Amino acid sequence: MPLLIFMEKQTMITTDTIRAFYQDHEPGAIGRYRYFSVLVPFVMAEGELCLMYEVRAKDMERDPGEICFPGGHVEKGEDPLETALRETEEEVGISREHVEIIGQGDTLYGYANYSLFSYIGIVDYEAYKNAVIEESEVDEVFLLPVSHILATEGRHFDENVRAEVAENFPFEEVGIDENYSWRVGTWTIPVYDVDGRPLWGLTARITEHVLAQLQERQAL
């Protein structure tokens, strides 16, 4: 059986090497992978429970003009919760002192090599009213009453995710042919129109997921 060489220079690996590396190893992703984190901010506004959203600046390179939660890319060595709080402060000027973190929400695993962490928080209404947006990233911050979201019937569309293999893939070498059954998946895209606001995509998925969980809990 031929020896597999994964490095240009062959290095001797011992059991001591294994122990030294993995006993303190912090698990991560294999290959190129990205992590993002958002705050799902509830606001009690004059007796009405709302969710706070922002509108991305129209001249942003990615997803311009879309509605989203405060959040962004998890920097190296940064905890995902720290990311959510830092991005909230940078994007809308609401400091962590005005955010009560209730707990971590579920993680959305995307098909495009990324994961999206979520943290559930309650933002002080006065802090929301005094929000100062970073105009290079955000056009607007606004509230949607939870009751209005729940009263809106969303539409759901399926996006089929299929494998596209390079033309020079060595089919014969690995013992398969062009008809090999690669793994595929389906990605659901929800679309809501709440008070004239187009709520869709990842933000809508997180919104409906969180509210469904809370409704289920309330019914107990």
C-alpha atoms as a PDB file:
ATOM      1  CA  MET A   1       0.000   0.000   0.000  1.00  0.00           C
ATOM      2  CA  PRO A   2       1.539   3.369  -1.012  1.00  0.00           C
ATOM      3  CA  LEU A   3       2.313   5.907   1.702  1.00  0.00           C
ATOM      4  CA  LEU A   4       0.088   9.009   1.540  1.00  0.00           C
ATOM      5  CA  ILE A   5       2.107  12.236   1.801  1.00  0.00           C
ATOM      6  CA  PHE A   6       0.083  15.319   2.815  1.00  0.00           C
ATOM      7  CA  MET A   7       3.024  17.691   3.242  1.00  0.00           C
ATOM      8  CA  GLU A   8       5.800  18.627   0.839  1.00  0.00           C
ATOM      9  CA  LYS A   9       8.373  17.713   3.474  1.00  0.00           C
ATOM     10  CA  GLN A  10       7.829  14.379   5.194  1.00  0.00           C
ATOM     11  CA  THR A  11       7.624  14.770   8.973  1.00  0.00           C
ATOM     12  CA  MET A  12       7.716  11.991  11.516  1.00  0.00           C
ATOM     13  CA  ILE A  13       4.552  11.877  13.608  1.00  0.00           C
ATOM     14  CA  THR A  14       4.691  10.201  16.994  1.00  0.00           C
ATOM     15  CA  THR A  15       2.137   9.483  19.705  1.00  0.00           C
ATOM     16  CA  ASP A  16       3.719  12.311  21.684  1.00  0.00           C
ATOM     17  CA  THR A  17       2.938  14.636  18.763  1.00  0.00           C
ATOM     18  CA  ILE A  18      -0.676  13.492  18.837  1.00  0.00           C
ATOM     19  CA  ARG A  19      -0.981  14.051  22.581  1.00  0.00           C
ATOM     20  CA  ALA A  20       0.745  17.425  22.494  1.00  0.00           C
ATOM     21  CA  PHE A  21      -1.482  18.773  19.737  1.00  0.00           C
ATOM     22  CA  TYR A  22      -4.935  17.391  20.486  1.00  0.00           C
ATOM     23  CA  GLN A  23      -5.041  17.610  24.274  1.00  0.00           C
ATOM     24  CA  ASP A  24      -5.388  21.403  23.995  1.00  0.00           C
ATOM     25  CA  HIS A  25      -6.787  21.602  20.483  1.00  0.00           C
ATOM     26  CA  GLU A  26      -9.775  23.864  19.930  1.00  0.00           C
ATOM     27  CA  PRO A  27     -11.972  22.189  17.293  1.00  0.00           C
ATOM     28  CA  GLY A  28     -12.656  24.074  14.106  1.00  0.00           C
ATOM     29  CA  ALA A  29     -13.826  23.418  10.577  1.00  0.00           C
ATOM     30  CA  ILE A  30     -11.989  21.314   8.002  1.00  0.00           C
ATOM     31  CA  GLY A  31     -11.274  23.331   4.887  1.00  0.00           C
ATOM     32  CA  ARG A  32     -12.397  26.837   4.043  1.00  0.00           C
ATOM     33  CA  TYR A  33     -15.276  27.771   6.291  1.00  0.00           C
ATOM     34  CA  ARG A  34     -16.747  30.999   7.653  1.00  0.00           C
ATOM     35  CA  TYR A  35     -18.587  31.831  10.838  1.00  0.00           C
ATOM     36  CA  PHE A  36     -21.053  34.651  11.345  1.00  0.00           C
ATOM     37  CA  SER A  37     -23.015  35.767  14.380  1.00  0.00           C
ATOM     38  CA  VAL A  38     -26.100  37.957  14.828  1.00  0.00           C
ATOM     39  CA  LEU A  39     -28.087  39.457  17.641  1.00  0.00           C
ATOM     40  CA  VAL A  40     -31.834  38.762  17.560  1.00  0.00           C
ATOM     41  CA  PRO A  41     -32.937  41.907  19.433  1.00  0.00           C
ATOM     42  CA  PHE A  42     -36.364  42.123  21.043  1.00  0.00           C
ATOM     43  CA  VAL A  43     -37.551  45.572  22.117  1.00  0.00           C
ATOM     44  CA  MET A  44     -40.550  46.385  24.305  1.00  0.00           C
ATOM     45  CA  ALA A  45     -41.788  49.586  22.678  1.00  0.00           C
ATOM     46  CA  GLU A  46     -44.626  51.299  24.531  1.00  0.00           C
ATOM     47  CA  GLY A  47     -46.228  48.027  25.543  1.00  0.00           C
ATOM     48  CA  GLU A  48     -45.684  46.290  22.193  1.00  0.00           C
ATOM     49  CA  LEU A  49     -43.115  43.514  21.836  1.00  0.00           C
ATOM     50  CA  CYS A  50     -41.074  44.131  18.691  1.00  0.00           C
ATOM     51  CA  LEU A  51     -38.053  42.830  16.852  1.00  0.00           C
ATOM     52  CA  MET A  52     -35.363  45.276  15.792  1.00  0.00           C
ATOM     53  CA  TYR A  53     -33.974  45.099  12.274  1.00  0.00           C
ATOM     54  CA  GLU A  54     -31.629  47.163  10.186  1.00  0.00           C
ATOM     55  CA  VAL A  55     -31.457  47.926   6.466  1.00  0.00           C
ATOM     56  CA  ARG A  56     -28.041  47.430   4.908  1.00  0.00           C
ATOM     57  CA  ALA A  57     -26.616  50.442   3.093  1.00  0.00           C
ATOM     58  CA  LYS A  58     -27.474  50.508  -0.604  1.00  0.00           C
ATOM     59  CA  ASP A  59     -23.833  50.863  -1.643  1.00  0.00           C
ATOM     60  CA  MET A  60     -22.647  47.810   0.311  1.00  0.00           C
ATOM     61  CA  GLU A  61     -20.749  45.272  -1.784  1.00  0.00           C
ATOM     62  CA  ARG A  62     -22.801  42.343  -0.462  1.00  0.00           C
ATOM     63  CA  ASP A  63     -26.579  42.241   0.011  1.00  0.00           C
ATOM     64  CA  PRO A  64     -27.179  46.000  -0.401  1.00  0.00           C
ATOM     65  CA  GLY A  65     -30.535  47.297   0.839  1.00  0.00           C
ATOM     66  CA  GLU A  66     -31.527  44.020   2.500  1.00  0.00           C
ATOM     67  CA  ILE A  67     -33.138  43.740   5.920  1.00  0.00           C
ATOM     68  CA  CYS A  68     -31.057  41.926   8.500  1.00  0.00           C
ATOM     69  CA  PHE A  69     -30.216  41.586  12.176  1.00  0.00           C
ATOM     70  CA  PRO A  70     -27.134  43.302  13.608  1.00  0.00           C
ATOM     71  CA  GLY A  71     -24.145  41.020  13.181  1.00  0.00           C
ATOM     72  CA  GLY A  72     -21.245  40.015  11.039  1.00  0.00           C
ATOM     73  CA  HIS A  73     -18.174  37.883  10.519  1.00  0.00           C
ATOM     74  CA  VAL A  74     -16.598  36.210  13.553  1.00  0.00           C
ATOM     75  CA  GLU A  75     -13.026  37.473  13.707  1.00  0.00           C
ATOM     76  CA  LYS A  76     -10.128  35.156  14.516  1.00  0.00           C
ATOM     77  CA  GLY A  77      -9.958  34.482  18.257  1.00  0.00           C
ATOM     78  CA  GLU A  78     -13.334  36.130  18.845  1.00  0.00           C
ATOM     79  CA  ASP A  79     -16.242  34.498  20.624  1.00  0.00           C
ATOM     80  CA  PRO A  80     -19.465  34.523  18.533  1.00  0.00           C
ATOM     81  CA  LEU A  81     -21.322  36.359  21.305  1.00  0.00           C
ATOM     82  CA  GLU A  82     -18.632  39.027  21.296  1.00  0.00           C
ATOM     83  CA  THR A  83     -19.133  39.331  17.537  1.00  0.00           C
ATOM     84  CA  ALA A  84     -22.878  39.908  17.880  1.00  0.00           C
ATOM     85  CA  LEU A  85     -22.412  42.559  20.567  1.00  0.00           C
ATOM     86  CA  ARG A  86     -19.494  44.272  18.800  1.00  0.00           C
ATOM     87  CA  GLU A  87     -21.311  44.437  15.484  1.00  0.00           C
ATOM     88  CA  THR A  88     -24.464  45.796  17.153  1.00  0.00           C
ATOM     89  CA  GLU A  89     -22.441  48.580  18.712  1.00  0.00           C
ATOM     90  CA  GLU A  90     -20.565  49.340  15.499  1.00  0.00           C
ATOM     91  CA  GLU A  91     -23.578  49.235  13.195  1.00  0.00           C
ATOM     92  CA  VAL A  92     -26.304  50.943  15.227  1.00  0.00           C
ATOM     93  CA  GLY A  93     -24.458  52.464  18.178  1.00  0.00           C
ATOM     94  CA  ILE A  94     -26.223  50.382  20.847  1.00  0.00           C
ATOM     95  CA  SER A  95     -23.646  49.360  23.441  1.00  0.00           C
ATOM     96  CA  ARG A  96     -23.662  46.021  25.227  1.00  0.00           C
ATOM     97  CA  GLU A  97     -24.664  47.740  28.462  1.00  0.00           C
ATOM     98  CA  HIS A  98     -28.094  48.264  26.912  1.00  0.00           C
ATOM     99  CA  VAL A  99     -28.459  44.663  25.686  1.00  0.00           C
ATOM    100  CA  GLU A 100     -29.661  41.902  27.995  1.00  0.00           C
ATOM    101  CA  ILE A 101     -28.451  38.625  26.521  1.00  0.00           C
ATOM    102  CA  ILE A 102     -31.023  35.944  27.352  1.00  0.00           C
ATOM    103  CA  GLY A 103     -29.198  33.034  25.743  1.00  0.00           C
ATOM    104  CA  GLN A 104     -27.865  31.515  22.563  1.00  0.00           C
ATOM    105  CA  GLY A 105     -30.306  30.665  19.810  1.00  0.00           C
ATOM    106  CA  ASP A 106     -29.940  27.825  17.335  1.00  0.00           C
ATOM    107  CA  THR A 107     -27.240  27.828  14.680  1.00  0.00           C
ATOM    108  CA  LEU A 108     -28.083  28.050  10.998  1.00  0.00           C
ATOM    109  CA  TYR A 109     -25.761  25.877   8.907  1.00  0.00           C
ATOM    110  CA  GLY A 110     -25.564  27.186   5.358  1.00  0.00           C
ATOM    111  CA  TYR A 111     -24.707  25.146   2.288  1.00  0.00           C
ATOM    112  CA  ALA A 112     -22.140  27.730   1.123  1.00  0.00           C
ATOM    113  CA  ASN A 113     -19.446  26.863   3.687  1.00  0.00           C
ATOM    114  CA  TYR A 114     -20.653  28.971   6.585  1.00  0.00           C
ATOM    115  CA  SER A 115     -22.495  28.800   9.901  1.00  0.00           C
ATOM    116  CA  LEU A 116     -24.580  31.568  11.439  1.00  0.00           C
ATOM    117  CA  PHE A 117     -24.778  31.789  15.241  1.00  0.00           C
ATOM    118  CA  SER A 118     -27.631  33.671  16.881  1.00  0.00           C
ATOM    119  CA  TYR A 119     -28.026  35.249  20.303  1.00  0.00           C
ATOM    120  CA  ILE A 120     -31.338  36.290  21.774  1.00  0.00           C
ATOM    121  CA  GLY A 121     -31.336  39.637  23.516  1.00  0.00           C
ATOM    122  CA  ILE A 122     -33.595  42.364  24.853  1.00  0.00           C
ATOM    123  CA  VAL A 123     -32.624  45.911  23.927  1.00  0.00           C
ATOM    124  CA  ASP A 124     -33.630  48.883  26.041  1.00  0.00           C
ATOM    125  CA  TYR A 125     -36.212  51.009  24.201  1.00  0.00           C
ATOM    126  CA  GLU A 126     -34.448  54.262  25.036  1.00  0.00           C
ATOM    127  CA  ALA A 127     -31.224  52.837  23.604  1.00  0.00           C
ATOM    128  CA  TYR A 128     -33.091  51.963  20.406  1.00  0.00           C
ATOM    129  CA  LYS A 129     -34.534  55.488  20.150  1.00  0.00           C
ATOM    130  CA  ASN A 130     -31.039  56.918  20.590  1.00  0.00           C
ATOM    131  CA  ALA A 131     -29.410  54.565  18.093  1.00  0.00           C
ATOM    132  CA  VAL A 132     -26.730  56.152  15.919  1.00  0.00           C
ATOM    133  CA  ILE A 133     -26.289  54.178  12.711  1.00  0.00           C
ATOM    134  CA  GLU A 134     -23.001  53.724  10.886  1.00  0.00           C
ATOM    135  CA  GLU A 135     -24.062  55.175   7.540  1.00  0.00           C
ATOM    136  CA  SER A 136     -21.420  53.308   5.561  1.00  0.00           C
ATOM    137  CA  GLU A 137     -23.068  50.028   6.587  1.00  0.00           C
ATOM    138  CA  VAL A 138     -26.646  50.807   7.612  1.00  0.00           C
ATOM    139  CA  ASP A 139     -29.352  52.952   6.031  1.00  0.00           C
ATOM    140  CA  GLU A 140     -31.973  52.513   8.744  1.00  0.00           C
ATOM    141  CA  VAL A 141     -32.871  50.729  11.962  1.00  0.00           C
ATOM    142  CA  PHE A 142     -36.524  49.975  12.670  1.00  0.00           C
ATOM    143  CA  LEU A 143     -38.957  47.877  14.720  1.00  0.00           C
ATOM    144  CA  LEU A 144     -41.558  45.344  13.588  1.00  0.00           C
ATOM    145  CA  PRO A 145     -44.203  44.318  16.132  1.00  0.00           C
ATOM    146  CA  VAL A 146     -44.051  40.591  16.812  1.00  0.00           C
ATOM    147  CA  SER A 147     -47.847  40.453  16.542  1.00  0.00           C
ATOM    148  CA  HIS A 148     -47.651  41.790  12.971  1.00  0.00           C
ATOM    149  CA  ILE A 149     -45.021  39.211  12.007  1.00  0.00           C
ATOM    150  CA  LEU A 150     -47.083  36.372  13.448  1.00  0.00           C
ATOM    151  CA  ALA A 151     -50.179  37.628  11.622  1.00  0.00           C
ATOM    152  CA  THR A 152     -48.340  37.581   8.277  1.00  0.00           C
ATOM    153  CA  GLU A 153     -48.436  34.409   6.198  1.00  0.00           C
ATOM    154  CA  GLY A 154     -45.058  33.730   4.704  1.00  0.00           C
ATOM    155  CA  ARG A 155     -44.324  32.105   1.375  1.00  0.00           C
ATOM    156  CA  HIS A 156     -41.617  29.456   1.111  1.00  0.00           C
ATOM    157  CA  PHE A 157     -39.550  28.629  -1.937  1.00  0.00           C
ATOM    158  CA  ASP A 158     -37.137  25.739  -2.402  1.00  0.00           C
ATOM    159  CA  GLU A 159     -33.669  26.185  -3.818  1.00  0.00           C
ATOM    160  CA  ASN A 160     -32.127  22.926  -4.972  1.00  0.00           C
ATOM    161  CA  VAL A 161     -28.461  22.607  -4.126  1.00  0.00           C
ATOM    162  CA  ARG A 162     -26.665  20.271  -6.521  1.00  0.00           C
ATOM    163  CA  ALA A 163     -23.075  19.135  -6.931  1.00  0.00           C
ATOM    164  CA  GLU A 164     -21.101  20.446  -9.909  1.00  0.00           C
ATOM    165  CA  VAL A 165     -17.894  18.476 -10.264  1.00  0.00           C
ATOM    166  CA  ALA A 166     -14.847  19.688 -12.200  1.00  0.00           C
ATOM    167  CA  GLU A 167     -14.612  18.341 -15.752  1.00  0.00           C
ATOM    168  CA  ASN A 168     -11.190  16.828 -15.077  1.00  0.00           C
ATOM    169  CA  PHE A 169     -12.307  14.846 -12.030  1.00  0.00           C
ATOM    170  CA  PRO A 170     -10.614  11.380 -12.154  1.00  0.00           C
ATOM    171  CA  PHE A 171     -13.776   9.248 -12.192  1.00  0.00           C
ATOM    172  CA  GLU A 172     -12.094   6.022 -13.300  1.00  0.00           C
ATOM    173  CA  GLU A 173      -9.231   6.445 -10.851  1.00  0.00           C
ATOM    174  CA  VAL A 174     -11.557   6.544  -7.835  1.00  0.00           C
ATOM    175  CA  GLY A 175     -13.832   3.822  -9.224  1.00  0.00           C
ATOM    176  CA  ILE A 176     -16.970   5.748 -10.191  1.00  0.00           C
ATOM    177  CA  ASP A 177     -18.518   7.150 -13.360  1.00  0.00           C
ATOM    178  CA  GLU A 178     -20.280  10.349 -14.390  1.00  0.00           C
ATOM    179  CA  ASN A 179     -23.595   8.998 -13.042  1.00  0.00           C
ATOM    180  CA  TYR A 180     -22.320   8.862  -9.460  1.00  0.00           C
ATOM    181  CA  SER A 181     -24.982   9.991  -6.944  1.00  0.00           C
ATOM    182  CA  TRP A 182     -23.433  13.046  -5.318  1.00  0.00           C
ATOM    183  CA  ARG A 183     -25.103  14.353  -2.207  1.00  0.00           C
ATOM    184  CA  VAL A 184     -27.615  17.106  -2.846  1.00  0.00           C
ATOM    185  CA  GLY A 185     -29.831  19.235  -0.642  1.00  0.00           C
ATOM    186  CA  THR A 186     -32.727  21.683  -0.560  1.00  0.00           C
ATOM    187  CA  TRP A 187     -32.490  25.182   0.885  1.00  0.00           C
ATOM    188  CA  THR A 188     -35.745  26.860   1.922  1.00  0.00           C
ATOM    189  CA  ILE A 189     -36.135  30.586   1.227  1.00  0.00           C
ATOM    190  CA  PRO A 190     -38.982  32.214   3.198  1.00  0.00           C
ATOM    191  CA  VAL A 191     -40.479  35.524   2.053  1.00  0.00           C
ATOM    192  CA  TYR A 192     -42.659  37.775   4.232  1.00  0.00           C
ATOM    193  CA  ASP A 193     -44.204  41.184   3.611  1.00  0.00           C
ATOM    194  CA  VAL A 194     -44.634  42.744   7.056  1.00  0.00           C
ATOM    195  CA  ASP A 195     -45.960  46.312   7.172  1.00  0.00           C
ATOM    196  CA  GLY A 196     -44.577  46.861   3.682  1.00  0.00           C
ATOM    197  CA  ARG A 197     -41.151  45.526   4.629  1.00  0.00           C
ATOM    198  CA  PRO A 198     -39.676  42.647   2.559  1.00  0.00           C
ATOM    199  CA  LEU A 199     -38.417  40.187   5.169  1.00  0.00           C
ATOM    200  CA  TRP A 200     -36.780  37.217   3.481  1.00  0.00           C
ATOM    201  CA  GLY A 201     -33.816  34.848   3.317  1.00  0.00           C
ATOM    202  CA  LEU A 202     -31.641  34.111   6.339  1.00  0.00           C
ATOM    203  CA  THR A 203     -33.201  36.864   8.435  1.00  0.00           C
ATOM    204  CA  ALA A 204     -36.689  35.526   7.780  1.00  0.00           C
ATOM    205  CA  ARG A 205     -35.573  31.963   8.567  1.00  0.00           C
ATOM    206  CA  ILE A 206     -34.152  32.994  11.917  1.00  0.00           C
ATOM    207  CA  THR A 207     -37.185  35.159  12.673  1.00  0.00           C
ATOM    208  CA  GLU A 208     -39.756  32.460  12.007  1.00  0.00           C
ATOM    209  CA  HIS A 209     -37.683  29.830  13.802  1.00  0.00           C
ATOM    210  CA  VAL A 210     -37.272  31.899  16.971  1.00  0.00           C
ATOM    211  CA  LEU A 211     -40.917  32.963  17.067  1.00  0.00           C
ATOM    212  CA  ALA A 212     -42.119  29.394  16.446  1.00  0.00           C
ATOM    213  CA  GLN A 213     -40.039  28.173  19.380  1.00  0.00           C
ATOM    214  CA  LEU A 214     -41.407  30.910  21.637  1.00  0.00           C
ATOM    215  CA  GLN A 215     -44.978  30.206  20.581  1.00  0.00           C
ATOM    216  CA  GLU A 216     -44.496  26.520  21.316  1.00  0.00           C
ATOM    217  CA  ARG A 217     -43.106  27.380  24.744  1.00  0.00           C
ATOM    218  CA  GLN A 218     -45.972  29.793  25.434  1.00  0.00           C
ATOM    219  CA  ALA A 219     -48.475  27.040  24.627  1.00  0.00           C
ATOM    220  CA  LEU A 220     -47.094  24.712  27.328  1.00  0.00           C
END
